[in-house]
C-alpha atoms as a PDB file:
ATOM      1  CA  MET A   1       0.083  -0.127   0.053  1.00  0.00           C
ATOM      2  CA  ARG A   2       2.658   2.580   0.802  1.00  0.00           C
ATOM      3  CA  LYS A   3       4.659   1.717  -2.566  1.00  0.00           C
ATOM      4  CA  PHE A   4       1.290   2.638  -3.932  1.00  0.00           C
ATOM      5  CA  ILE A   5       0.885   5.992  -2.275  1.00  0.00           C
ATOM      6  CA  TYR A   6       4.360   6.367  -3.434  1.00  0.00           C
ATOM      7  CA  SER A   7       3.655   5.776  -6.601  1.00  0.00           C
ATOM      8  CA  LEU A   8       0.723   8.247  -6.850  1.00  0.00           C
ATOM      9  CA  LEU A   9       3.145  11.048  -5.098  1.00  0.00           C
ATOM     10  CA  LEU A  10       5.450  10.584  -8.520  1.00  0.00           C
ATOM     11  CA  VAL A  11       2.451  11.077 -11.504  1.00  0.00           C
ATOM     12  CA  PRO A  12       2.147  14.891 -10.912  1.00  0.00           C
ATOM     13  CA  PHE A  13       6.408  15.162 -10.925  1.00  0.00           C
ATOM     14  CA  LEU A  14       6.612  12.397 -14.243  1.00  0.00           C
ATOM     15  CA  PHE A  15       3.308  14.503 -15.827  1.00  0.00           C
ATOM     16  CA  SER A  16       5.097  18.091 -15.104  1.00  0.00           C
ATOM     17  CA  CYS A  17       8.255  16.749 -16.724  1.00  0.00           C
ATOM     18  CA  ASN A  18       6.558  15.654 -19.423  1.00  0.00           C
ATOM     19  CA  THR A  19       5.204  19.042 -20.414  1.00  0.00           C
ATOM     20  CA  ASP A  20       8.266  21.307 -19.119  1.00  0.00           C
ATOM     21  CA  ASN A  21      10.723  18.697 -22.193  1.00  0.00           C
ATOM     22  CA  LYS A  22       7.386  19.640 -24.552  1.00  0.00           C
ATOM     23  CA  ASP A  23       7.590  23.148 -23.947  1.00  0.00           C
ATOM     24  CA  GLU A  24      11.260  23.002 -24.864  1.00  0.00           C
ATOM     25  CA  GLU A  25      10.606  20.767 -27.451  1.00  0.00           C
ATOM     26  CA  ASN A  26       7.438  24.015 -29.445  1.00  0.00           C
ATOM     27  CA  ILE A  27      11.097  27.011 -28.207  1.00  0.00           C
ATOM     28  CA  LYS A  28      13.157  25.125 -30.523  1.00  0.00           C
ATOM     29  CA  LEU A  29      11.194  24.502 -32.940  1.00  0.00           C
ATOM     30  CA  ILE A  30       9.992  28.332 -33.219  1.00  0.00           C
ATOM     31  CA  GLU A  31      13.830  28.978 -32.312  1.00  0.00           C
ATOM     32  CA  THR A  32      14.980  27.467 -35.698  1.00  0.00           C
ATOM     33  CA  TYR A  33      11.797  29.076 -37.467  1.00  0.00           C
ATOM     34  CA  ILE A  34      13.331  32.285 -36.883  1.00  0.00           C
ATOM     35  CA  ASN A  35      16.451  31.064 -37.651  1.00  0.00           C
ATOM     36  CA  SER A  36      15.525  30.166 -41.550  1.00  0.00           C
ATOM     37  CA  VAL A  37      13.493  33.320 -41.387  1.00  0.00           C
ATOM     38  CA  GLU A  38      16.893  35.257 -40.741  1.00  0.00           C
ATOM     39  CA  ASN A  39      18.496  33.123 -43.009  1.00  0.00           C
ATOM     40  CA  LEU A  40      16.330  33.097 -45.621  1.00  0.00           C
ATOM     41  CA  ASP A  41      16.030  30.098 -45.996  1.00  0.00           C
ATOM     42  CA  TYR A  42      12.330  28.894 -47.430  1.00  0.00           C
ATOM     43  CA  LYS A  43      13.295  25.394 -47.483  1.00  0.00           C
ATOM     44  CA  SER A  44      13.819  24.904 -43.711  1.00  0.00           C
ATOM     45  CA  MET A  45      10.436  27.341 -43.282  1.00  0.00           C
ATOM     46  CA  GLU A  46       8.655  24.397 -45.735  1.00  0.00           C
ATOM     47  CA  ALA A  47       9.850  21.942 -43.765  1.00  0.00           C
ATOM     48  CA  LEU A  48       8.902  22.905 -40.316  1.00  0.00           C
ATOM     49  CA  LEU A  49       5.277  24.130 -41.892  1.00  0.00           C
ATOM     50  CA  ALA A  50       2.019  21.480 -41.291  1.00  0.00           C
ATOM     51  CA  ASP A  51       0.769  20.923 -44.751  1.00  0.00           C
ATOM     52  CA  ASP A  52      -2.678  22.441 -43.163  1.00  0.00           C
ATOM     53  CA  TYR A  53      -0.595  25.327 -42.295  1.00  0.00           C
ATOM     54  CA  LEU A  54      -2.467  28.673 -42.093  1.00  0.00           C
ATOM     55  CA  GLY A  55      -0.819  31.978 -40.620  1.00  0.00           C
ATOM     56  CA  LEU A  56      -3.246  35.421 -40.455  1.00  0.00           C
ATOM     57  CA  GLY A  57      -2.171  38.503 -40.082  1.00  0.00           C
ATOM     58  CA  PRO A  58      -1.033  41.345 -39.804  1.00  0.00           C
ATOM     59  CA  SER A  59      -4.131  43.017 -41.156  1.00  0.00           C
ATOM     60  CA  PHE A  60      -7.140  41.685 -40.036  1.00  0.00           C
ATOM     61  CA  GLY A  61      -8.926  39.500 -42.989  1.00  0.00           C
ATOM     62  CA  ASP A  62      -4.643  38.691 -44.104  1.00  0.00           C
ATOM     63  CA  SER A  63      -4.574  34.903 -44.507  1.00  0.00           C
ATOM     64  CA  ILE A  64      -2.452  32.933 -45.838  1.00  0.00           C
ATOM     65  CA  LYS A  65      -1.665  28.762 -46.633  1.00  0.00           C
ATOM     66  CA  LYS A  66       1.365  27.013 -46.529  1.00  0.00           C
ATOM     67  CA  GLU A  67       1.750  26.843 -50.307  1.00  0.00           C
ATOM     68  CA  GLN A  68       1.452  30.606 -50.914  1.00  0.00           C
ATOM     69  CA  ALA A  69       3.878  31.413 -47.580  1.00  0.00           C
ATOM     70  CA  VAL A  70       6.464  29.192 -49.335  1.00  0.00           C
ATOM     71  CA  THR A  71       6.045  30.547 -52.326  1.00  0.00           C
ATOM     72  CA  ASN A  72       6.230  34.223 -50.955  1.00  0.00           C
ATOM     73  CA  TRP A  73       9.430  33.645 -49.597  1.00  0.00           C
ATOM     74  CA  LYS A  74      11.060  32.527 -52.643  1.00  0.00           C
ATOM     75  CA  PHE A  75      10.495  35.247 -54.224  1.00  0.00           C
ATOM     76  CA  PHE A  76      11.278  38.263 -50.987  1.00  0.00           C
ATOM     77  CA  SER A  77      14.215  36.178 -50.055  1.00  0.00           C
ATOM     78  CA  LYS A  78      15.490  36.444 -54.002  1.00  0.00           C
ATOM     79  CA  ASN A  79      14.014  40.192 -55.185  1.00  0.00           C
ATOM     80  CA  LEU A  80      13.060  41.743 -51.496  1.00  0.00           C
ATOM     81  CA  TYR A  81      15.020  41.261 -48.476  1.00  0.00           C
ATOM     82  CA  LYS A  82      18.821  41.765 -47.982  1.00  0.00           C
ATOM     83  CA  LYS A  83      18.842  40.732 -44.450  1.00  0.00           C
ATOM     84  CA  ILE A  84      16.574  40.092 -41.725  1.00  0.00           C
ATOM     85  CA  HIS A  85      17.577  40.179 -38.172  1.00  0.00           C
ATOM     86  CA  TYR A  86      15.521  39.198 -34.659  1.00  0.00           C
ATOM     87  CA  ASN A  87      17.082  41.717 -32.155  1.00  0.00           C
ATOM     88  CA  LYS A  88      15.410  41.624 -28.715  1.00  0.00           C
ATOM     89  CA  SER A  89      13.422  38.491 -29.892  1.00  0.00           C
ATOM     90  CA  ARG A  90      12.094  36.318 -26.389  1.00  0.00           C
ATOM     91  CA  ASN A  91       9.152  33.512 -26.664  1.00  0.00           C
ATOM     92  CA  ALA A  92       6.808  32.626 -24.184  1.00  0.00           C
ATOM     93  CA  ILE A  93       5.210  29.479 -24.466  1.00  0.00           C
ATOM     94  CA  VAL A  94       1.105  29.598 -23.874  1.00  0.00           C
ATOM     95  CA  ARG A  95      -0.952  26.622 -23.791  1.00  0.00           C
ATOM     96  CA  ILE A  96      -4.484  27.526 -23.888  1.00  0.00           C
ATOM     97  CA  LYS A  97      -7.110  25.095 -23.070  1.00  0.00           C
ATOM     98  CA  ASP A  98     -10.535  25.371 -24.881  1.00  0.00           C
ATOM     99  CA  GLY A  99     -11.923  26.560 -28.074  1.00  0.00           C
ATOM    100  CA  GLU A 100     -11.013  27.369 -31.670  1.00  0.00           C
ATOM    101  CA  ASN A 101      -7.314  27.472 -30.739  1.00  0.00           C
ATOM    102  CA  GLU A 102      -7.042  24.888 -28.511  1.00  0.00           C
ATOM    103  CA  GLY A 103      -3.626  23.835 -28.299  1.00  0.00           C
ATOM    104  CA  ASP A 104      -0.212  24.978 -27.146  1.00  0.00           C
ATOM    105  CA  TRP A 105       1.838  28.075 -28.456  1.00  0.00           C
ATOM    106  CA  VAL A 106       4.945  29.715 -28.702  1.00  0.00           C
ATOM    107  CA  SER A 107       4.589  33.815 -28.734  1.00  0.00           C
ATOM    108  CA  ASN A 108       7.573  35.683 -29.454  1.00  0.00           C
ATOM    109  CA  TRP A 109       8.369  39.080 -29.580  1.00  0.00           C
ATOM    110  CA  ALA A 110      10.956  40.979 -31.224  1.00  0.00           C
ATOM    111  CA  GLU A 111      12.226  44.022 -32.804  1.00  0.00           C
ATOM    112  CA  LEU A 112      13.214  43.141 -36.304  1.00  0.00           C
ATOM    113  CA  GLU A 113      15.758  44.818 -38.502  1.00  0.00           C
ATOM    114  CA  ILE A 114      14.699  44.534 -42.381  1.00  0.00           C
ATOM    115  CA  GLU A 115      17.018  45.729 -44.639  1.00  0.00           C
ATOM    116  CA  TYR A 116      16.302  45.536 -47.773  1.00  0.00           C
ATOM    117  CA  LYS A 117      17.554  45.319 -51.340  1.00  0.00           C
ATOM    118  CA  ASP A 118      17.194  48.499 -52.890  1.00  0.00           C
ATOM    119  CA  GLY A 119      18.983  50.092 -49.950  1.00  0.00           C
ATOM    120  CA  ASN A 120      16.025  51.027 -47.842  1.00  0.00           C
ATOM    121  CA  LYS A 121      16.338  49.804 -43.814  1.00  0.00           C
ATOM    122  CA  ILE A 122      13.253  49.752 -41.130  1.00  0.00           C
ATOM    123  CA  THR A 123      13.207  48.340 -38.109  1.00  0.00           C
ATOM    124  CA  LEU A 124       9.455  46.952 -36.708  1.00  0.00           C
ATOM    125  CA  TRP A 125       8.210  45.485 -33.100  1.00  0.00           C
ATOM    126  CA  ALA A 126       6.725  42.290 -34.081  1.00  0.00           C
ATOM    127  CA  ASN A 127       4.458  39.893 -31.810  1.00  0.00           C
ATOM    128  CA  SER A 128       4.286  36.183 -33.677  1.00  0.00           C
ATOM    129  CA  THR A 129       2.356  33.182 -31.959  1.00  0.00           C
ATOM    130  CA  TYR A 130       2.874  30.223 -33.189  1.00  0.00           C
ATOM    131  CA  GLN A 131       0.085  26.716 -33.068  1.00  0.00           C
ATOM    132  CA  ILE A 132       1.987  23.744 -32.379  1.00  0.00           C
ATOM    133  CA  LYS A 133       0.744  20.697 -33.205  1.00  0.00           C
ATOM    134  CA  ALA A 134       3.157  17.312 -33.736  1.00  0.00           C
ATOM    135  CA  GLY A 135       6.399  19.119 -33.992  1.00  0.00           C
ATOM    136  CA  LYS A 136       5.129  21.776 -36.378  1.00  0.00           C
ATOM    137  CA  ILE A 137       3.445  25.146 -36.874  1.00  0.00           C
ATOM    138  CA  VAL A 138      -0.224  24.641 -37.358  1.00  0.00           C
ATOM    139  CA  LYS A 139      -1.028  28.328 -37.249  1.00  0.00           C
ATOM    140  CA  SER A 140       0.459  31.765 -36.298  1.00  0.00           C
ATOM    141  CA  TYR A 141      -0.473  34.710 -36.004  1.00  0.00           C
ATOM    142  CA  THR A 142       1.277  37.944 -36.980  1.00  0.00           C
ATOM    143  CA  PHE A 143       1.448  41.554 -35.662  1.00  0.00           C
ATOM    144  CA  TYR A 144       3.248  44.842 -36.665  1.00  0.00           C
ATOM    145  CA  ASN A 145       2.805  48.584 -37.786  1.00  0.00           C
ATOM    146  CA  GLU A 146       2.716  47.898 -41.552  1.00  0.00           C
ATOM    147  CA  ALA A 147       2.239  52.180 -41.350  1.00  0.00           C
ATOM    148  CA  ASP A 148       5.503  52.256 -39.413  1.00  0.00           C
ATOM    149  CA  GLY A 149       7.312  50.628 -41.670  1.00  0.00           C
ATOM    150  CA  LEU A 150       5.874  51.961 -44.537  1.00  0.00           C
ATOM    151  CA  ARG A 151       7.069  56.107 -43.224  1.00  0.00           C
ATOM    152  CA  GLN A 152      10.345  54.441 -42.279  1.00  0.00           C
ATOM    153  CA  MET A 153      10.717  53.587 -46.263  1.00  0.00           C
ATOM    154  CA  GLY A 154       9.264  57.274 -46.910  1.00  0.00           C
ATOM    155  CA  PHE A 155       5.847  56.787 -47.929  1.00  0.00           C
ATOM    156  CA  PHE A 156       3.399  59.359 -46.180  1.00  0.00           C
ATOM    157  CA  PHE A 157      -0.297  58.533 -45.908  1.00  0.00           C
ATOM    158  CA  ILE A 158      -3.226  61.235 -46.792  1.00  0.00           C
ATOM    159  CA  HIS A 159      -6.713  60.847 -46.915  1.00  0.00           C
ATOM    160  CA  PRO A 160      -8.497  61.199 -49.981  1.00  0.00           C
ATOM    161  CA  SER A 161     -10.690  64.277 -49.217  1.00  0.00           C
ATOM    162  CA  ASP A 162      -7.082  66.338 -48.911  1.00  0.00           C
ATOM    163  CA  LEU A 163      -6.326  65.851 -52.422  1.00  0.00           C
END
């Protein structure tokens, strides 16, 4: 009986160790993904995204599936970006217990330095939150201020009534 009670006391410890390992694996997956972004490595990015991947943001209504995301990154890495660097990048584990977005998530927030092939450079604050299942990214929400990036490249906005 005593052995049985001791065994029961170990069960929560074993589950917490299992969760910690899963959390570490999920953080490592996102760090690997971020490295693929910094290296403009669309092949690694493709391998880390689930076949049913859905990316949302930065604007309301923006969405992209895996095939288009990979196609876009191939184009961007060849024609648009010279360099992307994640400064002050931090990750946090988020576990949602119910609802549409139930599951394991890793949230990353960073200061991104982006250098374009035309010489423009911008710095953005960005937040991406990634849902992970079976070692792949199945969904992401990404938020950053697009208008700020355009402003840093010299664009300005005029209301149509002011034309």
